[in-house]
Protein backbone atom coordinates (compact mmCIF):
# COMPACT_ATOMS: atom_id res chain seq x y z
CA SER A 1 -19.60 2.10 15.53
CA ILE A 2 -16.31 1.04 16.91
CA SER A 3 -12.91 -0.07 15.48
CA HIS A 4 -10.84 -2.33 17.23
CA THR A 5 -6.95 -2.83 17.61
CA TRP A 6 -5.71 -5.95 18.82
CA GLN A 7 -2.10 -6.87 19.82
CA ARG A 8 -0.06 -10.16 19.44
CA GLN A 9 1.30 -11.62 22.34
CA GLY A 10 5.41 -11.88 22.04
CA CYS A 11 7.31 -10.28 19.41
CA GLY A 12 8.67 -11.73 15.92
CA LEU A 13 7.72 -11.22 12.55
CA ALA A 14 6.52 -14.62 12.01
CA ARG A 15 3.19 -13.54 13.87
CA THR A 16 2.23 -16.86 15.26
CA GLY A 17 0.57 -16.71 18.49
CA THR A 18 -2.56 -15.48 20.05
CA TYR A 19 -4.40 -12.16 19.69
CA MET A 20 -6.54 -10.50 22.49
CA GLN A 21 -8.31 -6.79 22.47
CA VAL A 22 -6.35 -4.20 24.09
CA ALA A 23 -8.22 -0.98 23.15
CA ALA A 24 -11.39 0.28 21.32
CA LEU A 25 -12.16 3.49 19.85
CA PRO A 26 -15.36 4.86 19.89
CA LEU A 27 -16.44 6.89 16.72
CA HIS A 28 -18.64 10.01 17.04
CA PRO A 29 -20.07 12.20 14.54
CA THR A 30 -17.94 14.17 12.19
CA ALA A 31 -18.81 17.25 13.25
CA THR A 32 -17.65 16.23 16.61
CA TYR A 33 -14.05 16.76 15.57
CA VAL A 34 -14.13 20.14 13.93
CA GLY A 35 -12.17 22.89 15.73
CA LYS A 36 -10.11 19.98 17.47
CA GLY A 37 -7.01 20.88 15.54
CA PHE A 38 -4.86 19.10 13.20
CA PRO A 39 -1.40 17.23 13.78
CA LYS A 40 1.78 18.47 12.14
CA PHE A 41 2.62 16.27 9.33
CA GLY A 42 6.24 16.02 8.48
CA GLN A 43 7.28 15.67 4.65
CA PRO A 44 7.62 12.30 3.29
CA ARG A 45 11.19 10.97 2.53
CA GLU A 46 12.63 7.75 1.19
CA ILE A 47 14.86 5.61 2.98
CA ALA A 48 14.80 2.23 1.40
CA HIS A 49 12.85 0.46 -1.06
CA PHE A 50 12.57 -3.30 -3.00
CA SER A 51 11.01 -4.67 -5.53
CA ARG A 52 9.20 -7.94 -6.27
CA ASP A 53 9.33 -10.05 -9.54
CA ALA A 54 6.85 -12.33 -11.06
CA SER A 55 7.18 -14.91 -8.40
CA ARG A 56 7.53 -12.30 -5.60
CA ARG A 57 11.11 -12.74 -4.98
CA VAL A 58 12.46 -9.69 -3.22
CA ARG A 59 15.23 -7.40 -5.09
CA PHE A 60 16.40 -4.45 -2.96
CA ASP A 61 16.46 -2.45 -6.05
CA LYS A 62 14.26 -0.37 -8.66
CA SER A 63 13.72 -3.08 -10.97
CA GLY A 64 10.09 -2.91 -10.14
CA LEU A 65 9.66 0.78 -10.88
CA GLY A 66 8.32 1.47 -14.09
CA ALA A 67 8.65 4.55 -16.10
CA TYR A 68 5.58 6.40 -16.65
CA ARG A 69 4.04 7.20 -20.12
CA THR A 70 0.56 8.87 -21.43
CA PRO A 71 -1.35 5.90 -22.22
CA ARG A 72 -2.98 5.92 -25.60
CA LEU A 73 -6.45 6.00 -25.06
CA PRO A 74 -9.27 4.89 -25.69
CA ALA A 75 -7.66 1.30 -24.62
CA ALA A 76 -9.67 -1.94 -23.85
CA LEU A 77 -8.62 -2.86 -20.63
CA ASP A 78 -10.34 -6.16 -20.86
CA VAL A 79 -7.83 -7.10 -23.12
CA GLY A 80 -5.40 -9.98 -21.90
CA PHE A 81 -7.82 -10.85 -18.84
CA GLU A 82 -7.69 -14.57 -19.76
CA SER A 83 -4.00 -14.46 -18.90
CA TYR A 84 -3.73 -12.43 -15.54
CA VAL A 85 -1.89 -13.40 -13.15
CA PRO A 86 -3.43 -12.36 -9.65
CA LYS A 87 -1.49 -11.37 -6.74
CA SER A 88 -0.45 -14.47 -4.70
CA HIS A 89 -0.20 -14.07 -0.94
CA ASP A 90 -1.07 -15.71 2.59
CA PRO A 91 -4.36 -14.59 3.23
CA ASN A 92 -3.48 -14.51 7.12
CA GLU A 93 -0.42 -11.99 6.17
CA PRO A 94 -1.19 -10.05 2.93
CA ALA A 95 1.48 -7.63 3.51
CA PRO A 96 4.42 -9.36 5.26
CA LEU A 97 6.64 -6.81 7.28
CA GLY A 98 9.67 -8.67 7.06
CA ASP A 99 10.42 -7.57 3.58
CA VAL A 100 10.25 -4.49 4.64
CA VAL A 101 12.38 -5.03 7.82
CA ALA A 102 14.81 -6.49 5.50
CA ALA A 103 14.92 -3.55 2.85
CA LEU A 104 15.74 -1.30 6.10
CA SER A 105 18.84 -3.39 7.21
CA HIS A 106 19.96 -3.49 3.37
CA LYS A 107 20.14 0.58 3.75
CA GLY A 108 21.89 0.37 7.16
CA VAL A 109 18.62 1.71 8.96
CA ARG A 110 17.34 0.62 12.11
CA THR A 111 13.82 -0.07 13.06
CA THR A 112 14.47 1.49 16.44
CA ASP A 113 14.93 4.93 14.76
CA ALA A 114 11.16 5.00 14.14
CA HIS A 115 8.37 4.40 16.87
CA ILE A 116 5.93 2.92 14.35
CA LEU A 117 6.85 0.63 11.51
CA THR A 118 3.67 0.03 8.73
CA TYR A 119 2.14 -0.33 5.38
CA ARG A 120 0.08 2.45 4.37
CA ASN A 121 -2.64 0.29 4.07
CA ASN A 122 -3.04 0.47 7.58
CA LEU A 123 -3.15 4.42 7.75
CA ASN A 124 -5.51 4.50 5.28
CA LYS A 125 -8.16 2.39 7.51
CA ILE A 126 -7.51 4.48 10.38
CA PHE A 127 -7.12 8.20 8.90
CA GLY A 128 -10.15 7.47 6.84
CA THR A 129 -12.53 6.09 9.63
CA VAL A 130 -14.44 8.95 10.16
CA TYR A 131 -15.36 9.42 6.59
CA ASN A 132 -16.15 5.56 6.36
CA ARG A 133 -18.41 4.50 8.72
CA LYS A 134 -19.60 0.98 6.73
CA ASP A 135 -16.50 -0.71 6.51
CA ASP A 136 -14.86 -2.61 9.59
CA TRP A 137 -11.26 -2.74 9.81
CA GLU A 138 -8.51 -4.82 11.83
CA VAL A 139 -4.76 -3.86 12.50
CA GLY A 140 -2.41 -6.14 14.00
CA VAL A 141 -0.49 -4.46 16.79
CA GLU A 142 3.02 -5.90 18.08
CA ARG A 143 5.37 -4.07 20.37
CA CYS A 144 8.74 -5.43 20.37
CA ALA A 145 11.16 -5.61 23.18
CA ASP A 146 13.21 -2.32 21.73
CA GLY A 147 9.95 -0.16 21.81
CA THR A 148 9.29 -0.22 17.97
CA VAL A 149 5.71 -0.76 17.33
CA LEU A 150 4.88 -2.95 14.16
CA LEU A 151 1.44 -2.68 12.60
CA HIS A 152 0.62 -5.54 10.63
CA VAL A 153 -2.22 -5.66 7.62
CA MET A 154 -5.11 -7.82 8.58
CA ASP A 155 -8.12 -8.77 6.40
CA THR A 156 -11.40 -8.78 8.26
CA GLU A 157 -13.83 -11.95 7.97
CA ARG A 158 -16.27 -9.65 6.16
CA LYS A 159 -13.63 -8.93 3.33
CA ARG A 160 -12.40 -12.29 2.97
CA ALA A 161 -15.87 -13.09 2.55
CA GLU A 162 -16.43 -10.50 -0.28
CA GLU A 163 -13.16 -11.67 -1.94
CA ALA A 164 -14.54 -15.46 -1.92
CA ARG A 165 -17.65 -14.13 -3.55
CA ARG A 166 -16.27 -12.02 -6.25
CA ASP A 167 -17.56 -12.60 -9.88
CA GLU A 168 -16.49 -12.59 -13.30
CA ARG A 169 -17.37 -8.85 -13.52
CA GLN A 170 -15.97 -7.94 -10.16
CA GLN A 171 -12.69 -9.94 -11.21
CA ARG A 172 -12.53 -7.75 -14.25
CA MET A 173 -12.84 -4.52 -12.87
CA SER A 174 -10.07 -5.39 -10.55
CA TYR A 175 -7.73 -6.18 -13.41
CA TRP A 176 -8.61 -2.83 -15.45
CA GLY A 177 -6.50 -1.01 -12.87
CA TYR A 178 -3.80 -3.34 -13.18
CA LYS A 179 -3.98 -2.95 -17.00
CA PHE A 180 -4.35 0.54 -17.16
CA GLU A 181 -0.99 0.49 -15.13
CA GLN A 182 0.66 -1.41 -17.70
CA LEU A 183 -0.51 0.49 -20.30
CA SER A 184 1.02 3.60 -18.59
CA THR A 185 4.29 2.57 -18.20
CA LEU A 186 7.27 1.47 -20.38
CA ASP A 187 8.37 -1.95 -19.32
CA GLY A 188 5.27 -3.34 -20.94
CA GLY A 189 6.85 -3.66 -24.46
CA GLU A 190 7.65 -1.18 -27.18
CA ASP A 191 5.14 1.25 -28.42
CA GLY A 192 2.37 -0.65 -30.67
CA GLY A 193 4.15 -4.09 -29.68
CA PRO A 194 2.26 -6.97 -28.32
CA LEU A 195 2.17 -6.51 -24.23
CA PRO A 196 3.18 -9.60 -22.06
CA PRO A 197 0.55 -10.71 -19.48
CA VAL A 198 -0.29 -8.78 -16.45
CA ASN A 199 1.23 -10.24 -13.43
CA ALA A 200 0.11 -8.59 -10.23
CA ASN A 201 2.92 -9.78 -8.12
CA GLU A 202 5.59 -7.68 -10.04
CA GLU A 203 5.69 -4.56 -7.79
CA PHE A 204 7.99 -1.80 -6.36
CA CYS A 205 7.60 -0.59 -2.79
CA SER A 206 9.05 2.69 -1.39
CA ILE A 207 9.37 3.14 2.60
CA VAL A 208 9.63 6.73 3.32
CA GLN A 209 9.95 8.41 6.94
CA LEU A 210 7.27 10.80 8.35
CA SER A 211 6.39 12.26 11.13
CA ILE A 212 2.73 12.92 12.76
CA ASP A 213 3.50 15.55 15.15
CA ARG A 214 6.06 14.11 17.64
CA THR A 215 5.87 10.35 16.56
CA LYS A 216 8.18 9.24 13.82
CA LEU A 217 6.93 6.60 11.34
CA PHE A 218 8.31 4.31 8.80
CA MET A 219 5.47 3.57 6.37
CA ALA A 220 5.97 1.62 3.00
CA ALA A 221 3.77 1.81 -0.11
CA GLU A 222 3.25 0.17 -3.21
CA ILE A 223 4.58 2.73 -6.08
CA ASP A 224 3.29 2.34 -9.78
CA CYS A 225 5.62 4.29 -11.70
CA ALA A 226 8.27 7.33 -11.79
CA ALA A 227 8.04 10.35 -14.28
CA THR A 228 10.47 12.88 -15.09
CA GLY A 229 9.54 16.02 -16.42
CA GLY A 230 12.01 19.19 -17.59
CA GLY A 231 14.87 17.52 -16.88
CA GLY A 232 14.48 17.27 -13.16
CA ALA A 233 14.76 14.39 -10.81
CA PRO A 234 12.28 11.15 -11.18
CA ALA A 235 8.85 11.61 -9.39
CA ALA A 236 7.17 8.68 -7.93
CA GLY A 237 3.68 8.27 -8.50
CA CYS A 238 0.53 6.08 -8.85
CA VAL A 239 -1.98 5.74 -11.77
CA ASP A 240 -5.32 5.01 -11.78
CA THR A 241 -8.72 4.94 -13.74
CA ALA A 242 -11.18 7.66 -13.26
CA GLU A 243 -13.27 5.20 -10.83
CA GLU A 244 -10.17 4.86 -8.53
CA ALA A 245 -8.61 8.39 -8.62
CA GLY A 246 -10.30 10.21 -5.89
CA GLU A 247 -9.38 7.64 -3.13
CA ARG A 248 -6.07 7.20 -4.43
CA ARG A 249 -5.22 10.92 -4.36
CA GLY A 250 -5.92 10.93 -0.35
CA LYS A 251 -3.50 7.65 -0.27
CA ALA A 252 -0.99 9.30 -2.47
CA ARG A 253 -0.71 12.12 -0.51
CA LEU A 254 0.21 10.44 2.72
CA SER A 255 3.27 9.18 0.73
CA GLY A 256 4.19 12.10 -0.84
CA LEU A 257 3.27 11.32 -4.16
CA SER A 258 1.31 12.45 -7.37
CA VAL A 259 -1.71 10.65 -9.08
CA LEU A 260 -0.43 10.61 -12.58
CA GLY A 261 -2.95 9.48 -15.24
């Protein structure tokens, strides 16, 4: 199995232009990597953030970050599916980096202070490759004149085809995660009162600084909620159904988060 890296010719956040293959990573049996040493990961630290509203307008605040509460269980996760508003995005650019760069600029952080700027999604793909041999992936690699490398999220043809073929049951299963998130946060309405329709466009994104050995990264990741316990500072985290929790624990650790619920 081989994972490919693609690089766009030129630089700019509009991501227009042609791509060419610049490298290929051959994969070997997992046992081959045992005893090869493990890179040192620095503790992630938040340096910027932004929120999106129901219309995907960006605000440089924490209005999109809900407060965690223990959900009332059992709960019917199918409720409200008919009024569900799925996430709307450009299929050619599922996670635009322009909003991340704007949030960093709002905080006075220069992109040149990092070697790599990316969403967590790309690192999940790369680091999980040796454990997941059946799913192909692509990452758009863009080197700017200042030396910073931008990693763009890209969907493969296979994934786009799978999304187009999803039946109602698969759509409902995707909805369950968003519904459980709503039930686990305080911004969904008063206890026992009616909840508004789930809108997947509403989200909060944290941008953290971390290092892998000598490589410094600025990484953006969607955060579900924040919890405060024992009078301490709020702790950001993600909430999941039991079906999702195993995979998300690995993603959360990469961002320095907790899995709640």
